[in-house]
Amino acid sequence: MTDTRYPDLPVPEVRNTPTPKRSEREPILPKNPKKDK
């Protein structure tokens, strides 16, 4: 599930941090289009 959202990011680390994951999701949104390009 997170693999698709954070392919470059560490899946184990993101899963370990459920609270910060919400904050990281915000900056990842704008980063998504940049990586897509």
N, C-alpha and C. Protein backbone atom coordinates (compact mmCIF):
# COMPACT_ATOMS: atom_id res chain seq x y z
N MET A 1 0.85 -1.21 0.00
CA MET A 1 0.00 0.00 0.00
C MET A 1 0.88 1.26 0.00
N THR A 2 1.84 1.28 0.93
CA THR A 2 2.72 2.47 0.99
C THR A 2 3.77 2.38 -0.12
N ASP A 3 4.02 1.19 -0.58
CA ASP A 3 5.06 1.02 -1.63
C ASP A 3 4.74 1.91 -2.83
N THR A 4 3.47 2.00 -3.15
CA THR A 4 3.09 2.80 -4.34
C THR A 4 3.16 4.29 -4.01
N ARG A 5 2.91 4.62 -2.78
CA ARG A 5 2.91 6.04 -2.38
C ARG A 5 4.36 6.49 -2.14
N TYR A 6 5.13 5.65 -1.49
CA TYR A 6 6.53 6.03 -1.18
C TYR A 6 7.50 4.97 -1.73
N PRO A 7 7.64 4.92 -3.02
CA PRO A 7 8.53 3.92 -3.64
C PRO A 7 9.99 4.24 -3.34
N ASP A 8 10.29 5.51 -3.29
CA ASP A 8 11.68 5.92 -3.01
C ASP A 8 11.93 5.97 -1.50
N LEU A 9 10.86 6.27 -0.76
CA LEU A 9 11.01 6.39 0.70
C LEU A 9 11.03 5.00 1.34
N PRO A 10 11.60 4.90 2.51
CA PRO A 10 11.65 3.62 3.22
C PRO A 10 10.27 3.19 3.71
N VAL A 11 9.80 2.10 3.23
CA VAL A 11 8.45 1.64 3.62
C VAL A 11 8.39 1.29 5.11
N PRO A 12 9.42 0.64 5.63
CA PRO A 12 9.41 0.25 7.05
C PRO A 12 9.41 1.49 7.96
N GLU A 13 10.13 2.50 7.52
CA GLU A 13 10.21 3.72 8.35
C GLU A 13 8.87 4.47 8.32
N VAL A 14 8.30 4.57 7.17
CA VAL A 14 7.03 5.31 7.02
C VAL A 14 5.94 4.60 7.82
N ARG A 15 5.99 3.29 7.84
CA ARG A 15 4.94 2.53 8.54
C ARG A 15 5.18 2.66 10.05
N ASN A 16 6.42 2.78 10.42
CA ASN A 16 6.75 2.89 11.84
C ASN A 16 6.25 4.23 12.39
N THR A 17 6.18 5.22 11.52
CA THR A 17 5.76 6.56 11.97
C THR A 17 4.37 6.88 11.41
N PRO A 18 3.34 6.45 12.07
CA PRO A 18 1.97 6.70 11.61
C PRO A 18 1.56 8.15 11.84
N THR A 19 2.10 8.75 12.86
CA THR A 19 1.74 10.16 13.16
C THR A 19 2.43 11.13 12.19
N PRO A 20 3.73 11.02 12.03
CA PRO A 20 4.46 11.91 11.12
C PRO A 20 4.11 11.62 9.67
N LYS A 21 3.62 10.43 9.44
CA LYS A 21 3.26 10.06 8.05
C LYS A 21 2.24 11.08 7.51
N ARG A 22 1.40 11.57 8.35
CA ARG A 22 0.36 12.53 7.90
C ARG A 22 1.07 13.82 7.45
N SER A 23 2.02 14.24 8.20
CA SER A 23 2.72 15.51 7.87
C SER A 23 3.55 15.30 6.59
N GLU A 24 4.13 14.14 6.47
CA GLU A 24 4.98 13.87 5.29
C GLU A 24 4.10 13.75 4.04
N ARG A 25 2.88 13.37 4.25
CA ARG A 25 1.98 13.17 3.08
C ARG A 25 1.73 14.54 2.40
N GLU A 26 1.75 15.57 3.15
CA GLU A 26 1.49 16.91 2.57
C GLU A 26 2.58 17.30 1.56
N PRO A 27 3.83 17.24 1.95
CA PRO A 27 4.93 17.61 1.05
C PRO A 27 5.08 16.60 -0.08
N ILE A 28 4.64 15.40 0.16
CA ILE A 28 4.77 14.35 -0.88
C ILE A 28 3.79 14.62 -2.02
N LEU A 29 2.69 15.24 -1.69
CA LEU A 29 1.67 15.53 -2.72
C LEU A 29 2.27 16.36 -3.86
N PRO A 30 2.91 17.45 -3.54
CA PRO A 30 3.53 18.30 -4.57
C PRO A 30 4.74 17.61 -5.20
N LYS A 31 5.36 16.76 -4.44
CA LYS A 31 6.55 16.06 -4.96
C LYS A 31 6.12 14.98 -5.97
N ASN A 32 4.93 14.49 -5.82
CA ASN A 32 4.43 13.43 -6.71
C ASN A 32 4.49 13.85 -8.18
N PRO A 33 3.99 15.02 -8.48
CA PRO A 33 3.97 15.50 -9.87
C PRO A 33 5.39 15.73 -10.38
N LYS A 34 6.26 16.12 -9.49
CA LYS A 34 7.66 16.37 -9.90
C LYS A 34 8.33 15.04 -10.29
N LYS A 35 8.05 14.04 -9.53
CA LYS A 35 8.66 12.72 -9.81
C LYS A 35 8.00 12.11 -11.06
N ASP A 36 6.74 12.37 -11.20
CA ASP A 36 6.00 11.82 -12.35
C ASP A 36 6.60 12.35 -13.66
N LYS A 37 7.01 13.60 -13.62
CA LYS A 37 7.58 14.25 -14.81
C LYS A 37 8.90 13.58 -15.15
